[in-house]
Amino acid sequence: MAVPKRHTSKQKKRSRRGHIKLAIPAMHYDATTGEYRLSHRVSPKGYYKGRQVANETSSSDNQ
């Protein structure tokens, strides 16, 4: 059975886990709508690269 020979210090443990973290989403300002949106995604108002590609949806349209 594998048993550690020495106690793992806090520094060793934390340096090993240093790359495990949340990624920051790539948010960009959309000049067309005046809002922030994720890169390579359609804005909530239906715009992509300055053109309207989809109709704006709201919660009242779905009911």
Protein backbone atom coordinates (compact mmCIF):
# COMPACT_ATOMS: atom_id res chain seq x y z
CA MET A 1 0.00 0.00 0.00
CA ALA A 2 1.35 3.43 -0.96
CA VAL A 3 1.95 5.63 2.07
CA PRO A 4 3.61 9.09 1.93
CA LYS A 5 7.08 9.03 3.49
CA ARG A 6 6.93 12.70 4.57
CA HIS A 7 4.20 15.21 5.45
CA THR A 8 3.23 17.40 2.44
CA SER A 9 3.78 21.04 3.40
CA LYS A 10 1.24 23.79 2.73
CA GLN A 11 3.62 25.40 0.22
CA LYS A 12 4.05 22.19 -1.80
CA LYS A 13 0.32 21.50 -1.77
CA ARG A 14 -0.64 25.04 -2.81
CA SER A 15 1.99 25.30 -5.55
CA ARG A 16 0.74 22.03 -7.03
CA ARG A 17 -2.83 23.33 -7.03
CA GLY A 18 -1.92 26.77 -8.39
CA HIS A 19 -3.34 26.14 -11.85
CA ILE A 20 -6.73 24.99 -10.55
CA LYS A 21 -8.86 28.14 -10.66
CA LEU A 22 -11.85 29.70 -12.35
CA ALA A 23 -11.33 31.20 -15.79
CA ILE A 24 -12.30 34.84 -16.35
CA PRO A 25 -14.84 35.10 -19.21
CA ALA A 26 -13.71 37.16 -22.21
CA MET A 27 -16.19 40.05 -22.04
CA HIS A 28 -16.04 42.81 -24.65
CA TYR A 29 -17.92 46.06 -25.08
CA ASP A 30 -20.39 45.96 -27.98
CA ALA A 31 -20.63 49.46 -29.47
CA THR A 32 -23.81 48.61 -31.41
CA THR A 33 -25.92 47.78 -28.38
CA GLY A 34 -23.88 49.57 -25.70
CA GLU A 35 -23.60 46.44 -23.56
CA TYR A 36 -20.93 43.93 -22.63
CA ARG A 37 -21.13 40.47 -24.16
CA LEU A 38 -19.08 37.28 -24.41
CA SER A 39 -16.69 37.00 -27.35
CA HIS A 40 -17.98 35.17 -30.43
CA ARG A 41 -21.54 35.16 -29.10
CA VAL A 42 -24.71 36.93 -30.22
CA SER A 43 -25.64 39.80 -27.90
CA PRO A 44 -28.90 39.63 -25.91
CA LYS A 45 -30.44 42.07 -28.42
CA GLY A 46 -29.59 39.79 -31.35
CA TYR A 47 -26.53 41.58 -32.78
CA TYR A 48 -23.29 39.97 -33.97
CA LYS A 49 -20.43 41.94 -35.57
CA GLY A 50 -22.62 45.05 -35.85
CA ARG A 51 -25.46 43.31 -37.75
CA GLN A 52 -28.77 42.03 -36.42
CA VAL A 53 -28.77 38.27 -36.94
CA ALA A 54 -31.57 37.23 -34.57
CA ASN A 55 -34.75 38.77 -33.22
CA GLU A 56 -34.65 40.04 -29.66
CA THR A 57 -36.51 37.64 -27.37
CA SER A 58 -38.19 38.44 -24.10
CA SER A 59 -39.91 36.33 -21.47
CA SER A 60 -43.39 37.48 -22.61
CA ASP A 61 -42.82 36.10 -26.14
CA ASN A 62 -42.24 32.56 -24.87
CA GLN A 63 -45.60 32.30 -23.10
